[in-house]
Amino acid sequence: MDYIYQINVSKGIIPKQPIKEAFVRLEGILGDRHEPGISGGPDKALCLFSLEEITKLKAEGHPIAPGSTGENLTISFEDYSLLVPGVTLKIGSEVTIKISSFYEPAKNVSGSFIEGKFSRISQKLFPGCSRLYARVLNVGKIKVGDTIEIIPS
């Protein structure tokens, strides 16, 4: 089963802190502040990252944890490689999002990596290990444990 492992928000700093439930607006999660010029806007309303990828990175020795790279949703997804730009997801019973792009890492997440080497989650260098940006199509409430499913196009 694919599901939300953790919902993360902040006032604009990393790491983002976990919350149990949230309201997702077109602009992103209510109460989460976006970094001007870096994140935000319709195609960057949400950032997702894989719990399984975080676990692999921890096993490599990186000091990473859910929320430490600024993702809004830490998700457990059996085949994370299926989540590419253009894929639409249903989250819980209300929210629908569309993956808009891979999220290239920046220096602000360097604390999550050995020797600050944040390029370890670059889609260009390590395909399938990147965070994802998504556009919100349908707003609503989400909570930890909500299921995630791909909606066929």
C-alpha atoms as a PDB file:
ATOM      1  CA  MET A   1       0.000   0.000   0.000  1.00  0.00           C
ATOM      2  CA  ASP A   2       1.275   3.474  -0.925  1.00  0.00           C
ATOM      3  CA  TYR A   3       0.621   6.138   1.708  1.00  0.00           C
ATOM      4  CA  ILE A   4       1.630   9.390   3.422  1.00  0.00           C
ATOM      5  CA  TYR A   5       4.303   8.568   5.999  1.00  0.00           C
ATOM      6  CA  GLN A   6       4.755  12.145   7.246  1.00  0.00           C
ATOM      7  CA  ILE A   7       3.394  15.649   6.524  1.00  0.00           C
ATOM      8  CA  ASN A   8       5.989  18.412   6.992  1.00  0.00           C
ATOM      9  CA  VAL A   9       5.655  22.188   7.330  1.00  0.00           C
ATOM     10  CA  SER A  10       7.784  25.149   8.371  1.00  0.00           C
ATOM     11  CA  LYS A  11       7.883  28.916   8.581  1.00  0.00           C
ATOM     12  CA  GLY A  12      10.449  28.901   5.767  1.00  0.00           C
ATOM     13  CA  ILE A  13      13.334  26.972   7.306  1.00  0.00           C
ATOM     14  CA  ILE A  14      14.652  23.448   6.943  1.00  0.00           C
ATOM     15  CA  PRO A  15      14.112  20.959   8.409  1.00  0.00           C
ATOM     16  CA  LYS A  16      10.342  21.037   8.145  1.00  0.00           C
ATOM     17  CA  GLN A  17       8.504  19.717  11.188  1.00  0.00           C
ATOM     18  CA  PRO A  18       5.951  16.892  11.183  1.00  0.00           C
ATOM     19  CA  ILE A  19       2.224  17.411  11.678  1.00  0.00           C
ATOM     20  CA  LYS A  20      -0.513  14.760  11.727  1.00  0.00           C
ATOM     21  CA  GLU A  21      -2.981  16.357   9.299  1.00  0.00           C
ATOM     22  CA  ALA A  22      -3.219  19.352   7.006  1.00  0.00           C
ATOM     23  CA  PHE A  23      -5.389  21.259   4.586  1.00  0.00           C
ATOM     24  CA  VAL A  24      -3.960  21.353   1.066  1.00  0.00           C
ATOM     25  CA  ARG A  25      -4.734  24.518  -0.893  1.00  0.00           C
ATOM     26  CA  LEU A  26      -3.864  25.312  -4.504  1.00  0.00           C
ATOM     27  CA  GLU A  27      -0.820  27.161  -3.115  1.00  0.00           C
ATOM     28  CA  GLY A  28       0.302  24.227  -0.953  1.00  0.00           C
ATOM     29  CA  ILE A  29      -0.206  23.153   2.633  1.00  0.00           C
ATOM     30  CA  LEU A  30      -1.926  25.704   4.855  1.00  0.00           C
ATOM     31  CA  GLY A  31       0.635  26.951   7.378  1.00  0.00           C
ATOM     32  CA  ASP A  32       3.689  26.087   5.290  1.00  0.00           C
ATOM     33  CA  ARG A  33       5.802  28.981   4.060  1.00  0.00           C
ATOM     34  CA  HIS A  34       7.555  28.722   0.694  1.00  0.00           C
ATOM     35  CA  GLU A  35      10.992  30.145   0.026  1.00  0.00           C
ATOM     36  CA  PRO A  36      10.514  33.044  -2.447  1.00  0.00           C
ATOM     37  CA  GLY A  37      12.134  32.364  -5.795  1.00  0.00           C
ATOM     38  CA  ILE A  38      12.963  28.755  -4.896  1.00  0.00           C
ATOM     39  CA  SER A  39       9.664  27.067  -4.206  1.00  0.00           C
ATOM     40  CA  GLY A  40       6.016  27.978  -4.450  1.00  0.00           C
ATOM     41  CA  GLY A  41       3.786  28.843  -7.359  1.00  0.00           C
ATOM     42  CA  PRO A  42       1.232  26.569  -8.991  1.00  0.00           C
ATOM     43  CA  ASP A  43       3.701  23.971 -10.292  1.00  0.00           C
ATOM     44  CA  LYS A  44       5.702  23.958  -7.048  1.00  0.00           C
ATOM     45  CA  ALA A  45       2.856  23.892  -4.536  1.00  0.00           C
ATOM     46  CA  LEU A  46       3.974  20.630  -2.925  1.00  0.00           C
ATOM     47  CA  CYS A  47       7.281  18.816  -2.595  1.00  0.00           C
ATOM     48  CA  LEU A  48       7.262  15.020  -2.205  1.00  0.00           C
ATOM     49  CA  PHE A  49      10.063  12.632  -1.279  1.00  0.00           C
ATOM     50  CA  SER A  50      10.248   8.895  -0.787  1.00  0.00           C
ATOM     51  CA  LEU A  51      10.651   7.301   2.640  1.00  0.00           C
ATOM     52  CA  GLU A  52      12.371   4.389   0.899  1.00  0.00           C
ATOM     53  CA  GLU A  53      14.934   6.735  -0.693  1.00  0.00           C
ATOM     54  CA  ILE A  54      15.524   8.423   2.675  1.00  0.00           C
ATOM     55  CA  THR A  55      16.102   4.982   4.227  1.00  0.00           C
ATOM     56  CA  LYS A  56      18.638   4.094   1.488  1.00  0.00           C
ATOM     57  CA  LEU A  57      20.450   7.402   2.006  1.00  0.00           C
ATOM     58  CA  LYS A  58      20.593   6.835   5.790  1.00  0.00           C
ATOM     59  CA  ALA A  59      22.100   3.391   5.116  1.00  0.00           C
ATOM     60  CA  GLU A  60      24.833   5.159   3.086  1.00  0.00           C
ATOM     61  CA  GLY A  61      25.599   7.199   6.215  1.00  0.00           C
ATOM     62  CA  HIS A  62      23.873  10.469   5.324  1.00  0.00           C
ATOM     63  CA  PRO A  63      22.319  12.351   8.298  1.00  0.00           C
ATOM     64  CA  ILE A  64      18.975  12.640   6.490  1.00  0.00           C
ATOM     65  CA  ALA A  65      15.505  12.259   8.037  1.00  0.00           C
ATOM     66  CA  PRO A  66      11.924  12.809   6.896  1.00  0.00           C
ATOM     67  CA  GLY A  67      11.424  16.571   6.464  1.00  0.00           C
ATOM     68  CA  SER A  68      15.149  17.399   6.521  1.00  0.00           C
ATOM     69  CA  THR A  69      15.285  18.082   2.784  1.00  0.00           C
ATOM     70  CA  GLY A  70      12.242  20.345   2.880  1.00  0.00           C
ATOM     71  CA  GLU A  71       9.652  17.984   1.471  1.00  0.00           C
ATOM     72  CA  ASN A  72       6.018  18.580   2.425  1.00  0.00           C
ATOM     73  CA  LEU A  73       5.050  14.946   2.036  1.00  0.00           C
ATOM     74  CA  THR A  74       7.298  12.052   2.932  1.00  0.00           C
ATOM     75  CA  ILE A  75       5.597   9.178   1.164  1.00  0.00           C
ATOM     76  CA  SER A  76       5.968   5.434   1.221  1.00  0.00           C
ATOM     77  CA  PHE A  77       5.534   4.381  -2.388  1.00  0.00           C
ATOM     78  CA  GLU A  78       6.302   0.858  -3.563  1.00  0.00           C
ATOM     79  CA  ASP A  79       7.604   1.928  -6.990  1.00  0.00           C
ATOM     80  CA  TYR A  80       8.760   5.540  -6.612  1.00  0.00           C
ATOM     81  CA  SER A  81      10.236   5.407 -10.141  1.00  0.00           C
ATOM     82  CA  LEU A  82       6.660   5.541 -11.511  1.00  0.00           C
ATOM     83  CA  LEU A  83       6.268   9.069 -10.143  1.00  0.00           C
ATOM     84  CA  VAL A  84       7.435  11.290 -12.976  1.00  0.00           C
ATOM     85  CA  PRO A  85       6.205  14.611 -14.388  1.00  0.00           C
ATOM     86  CA  GLY A  86       2.681  14.245 -15.773  1.00  0.00           C
ATOM     87  CA  VAL A  87       1.520  11.540 -13.333  1.00  0.00           C
ATOM     88  CA  THR A  88      -1.656  12.363 -11.380  1.00  0.00           C
ATOM     89  CA  LEU A  89      -2.114  11.119  -7.815  1.00  0.00           C
ATOM     90  CA  LYS A  90      -5.143  10.828  -5.541  1.00  0.00           C
ATOM     91  CA  ILE A  91      -4.231  11.378  -1.895  1.00  0.00           C
ATOM     92  CA  GLY A  92      -6.786  10.294   0.671  1.00  0.00           C
ATOM     93  CA  SER A  93     -10.391  10.934  -0.310  1.00  0.00           C
ATOM     94  CA  GLU A  94     -10.161  14.596  -1.347  1.00  0.00           C
ATOM     95  CA  VAL A  95      -6.804  15.752  -2.717  1.00  0.00           C
ATOM     96  CA  THR A  96      -5.552  15.284  -6.266  1.00  0.00           C
ATOM     97  CA  ILE A  97      -2.121  16.429  -7.429  1.00  0.00           C
ATOM     98  CA  LYS A  98      -0.100  16.226 -10.633  1.00  0.00           C
ATOM     99  CA  ILE A  99       3.665  15.737 -10.604  1.00  0.00           C
ATOM    100  CA  SER A 100       5.077  18.766 -12.407  1.00  0.00           C
ATOM    101  CA  SER A 101       8.870  18.323 -12.224  1.00  0.00           C
ATOM    102  CA  PHE A 102      11.839  16.835 -10.480  1.00  0.00           C
ATOM    103  CA  TYR A 103      13.147  19.136  -7.736  1.00  0.00           C
ATOM    104  CA  GLU A 104      16.844  19.764  -8.147  1.00  0.00           C
ATOM    105  CA  PRO A 105      18.567  20.110  -4.774  1.00  0.00           C
ATOM    106  CA  ALA A 106      20.095  23.310  -3.460  1.00  0.00           C
ATOM    107  CA  LYS A 107      22.671  24.168  -0.808  1.00  0.00           C
ATOM    108  CA  ASN A 108      19.993  24.710   1.864  1.00  0.00           C
ATOM    109  CA  VAL A 109      19.634  20.903   2.227  1.00  0.00           C
ATOM    110  CA  SER A 110      23.380  20.200   2.482  1.00  0.00           C
ATOM    111  CA  GLY A 111      23.088  19.378   6.192  1.00  0.00           C
ATOM    112  CA  SER A 112      21.287  16.159   5.258  1.00  0.00           C
ATOM    113  CA  PHE A 113      24.288  14.778   3.376  1.00  0.00           C
ATOM    114  CA  ILE A 114      27.814  13.562   4.090  1.00  0.00           C
ATOM    115  CA  GLU A 115      30.236  16.442   3.475  1.00  0.00           C
ATOM    116  CA  GLY A 116      27.246  18.539   2.367  1.00  0.00           C
ATOM    117  CA  LYS A 117      27.029  16.704  -0.973  1.00  0.00           C
ATOM    118  CA  PHE A 118      23.386  17.524  -1.698  1.00  0.00           C
ATOM    119  CA  SER A 119      23.806  16.512  -5.353  1.00  0.00           C
ATOM    120  CA  ARG A 120      23.160  12.962  -4.072  1.00  0.00           C
ATOM    121  CA  ILE A 121      19.446  13.622  -4.709  1.00  0.00           C
ATOM    122  CA  SER A 122      19.905  15.162  -8.154  1.00  0.00           C
ATOM    123  CA  GLN A 123      17.694  13.509 -10.774  1.00  0.00           C
ATOM    124  CA  LYS A 124      20.376  14.185 -13.397  1.00  0.00           C
ATOM    125  CA  LEU A 125      23.122  12.426 -11.424  1.00  0.00           C
ATOM    126  CA  PHE A 126      21.062   9.798  -9.567  1.00  0.00           C
ATOM    127  CA  PRO A 127      17.847   9.094 -11.511  1.00  0.00           C
ATOM    128  CA  GLY A 128      14.968   8.052  -9.246  1.00  0.00           C
ATOM    129  CA  CYS A 129      16.463   9.625  -6.094  1.00  0.00           C
ATOM    130  CA  SER A 130      15.011  13.111  -6.542  1.00  0.00           C
ATOM    131  CA  ARG A 131      12.323  14.982  -4.703  1.00  0.00           C
ATOM    132  CA  LEU A 132       9.276  15.879  -6.785  1.00  0.00           C
ATOM    133  CA  TYR A 133       7.273  19.055  -7.259  1.00  0.00           C
ATOM    134  CA  ALA A 134       3.514  18.824  -7.724  1.00  0.00           C
ATOM    135  CA  ARG A 135       0.595  21.033  -8.700  1.00  0.00           C
ATOM    136  CA  VAL A 136      -2.580  20.776  -6.616  1.00  0.00           C
ATOM    137  CA  LEU A 137      -5.617  19.950  -8.763  1.00  0.00           C
ATOM    138  CA  ASN A 138      -8.211  19.338  -6.003  1.00  0.00           C
ATOM    139  CA  VAL A 139      -7.879  20.838  -2.532  1.00  0.00           C
ATOM    140  CA  GLY A 140      -8.853  19.164   0.721  1.00  0.00           C
ATOM    141  CA  LYS A 141      -7.717  17.541   3.944  1.00  0.00           C
ATOM    142  CA  ILE A 142      -4.961  14.962   4.227  1.00  0.00           C
ATOM    143  CA  LYS A 143      -3.582  13.035   7.186  1.00  0.00           C
ATOM    144  CA  VAL A 144      -0.700  10.716   7.967  1.00  0.00           C
ATOM    145  CA  GLY A 145      -1.578   7.230   6.731  1.00  0.00           C
ATOM    146  CA  ASP A 146      -3.794   8.410   3.850  1.00  0.00           C
ATOM    147  CA  THR A 147      -3.434   6.214   0.796  1.00  0.00           C
ATOM    148  CA  ILE A 148      -1.872   7.426  -2.438  1.00  0.00           C
ATOM    149  CA  GLU A 149      -2.857   6.040  -5.801  1.00  0.00           C
ATOM    150  CA  ILE A 150      -1.948   6.802  -9.380  1.00  0.00           C
ATOM    151  CA  ILE A 151      -4.929   7.979 -11.430  1.00  0.00           C
ATOM    152  CA  PRO A 152      -4.655   6.570 -14.965  1.00  0.00           C
ATOM    153  CA  SER A 153      -4.432   9.296 -17.620  1.00  0.00           C
END
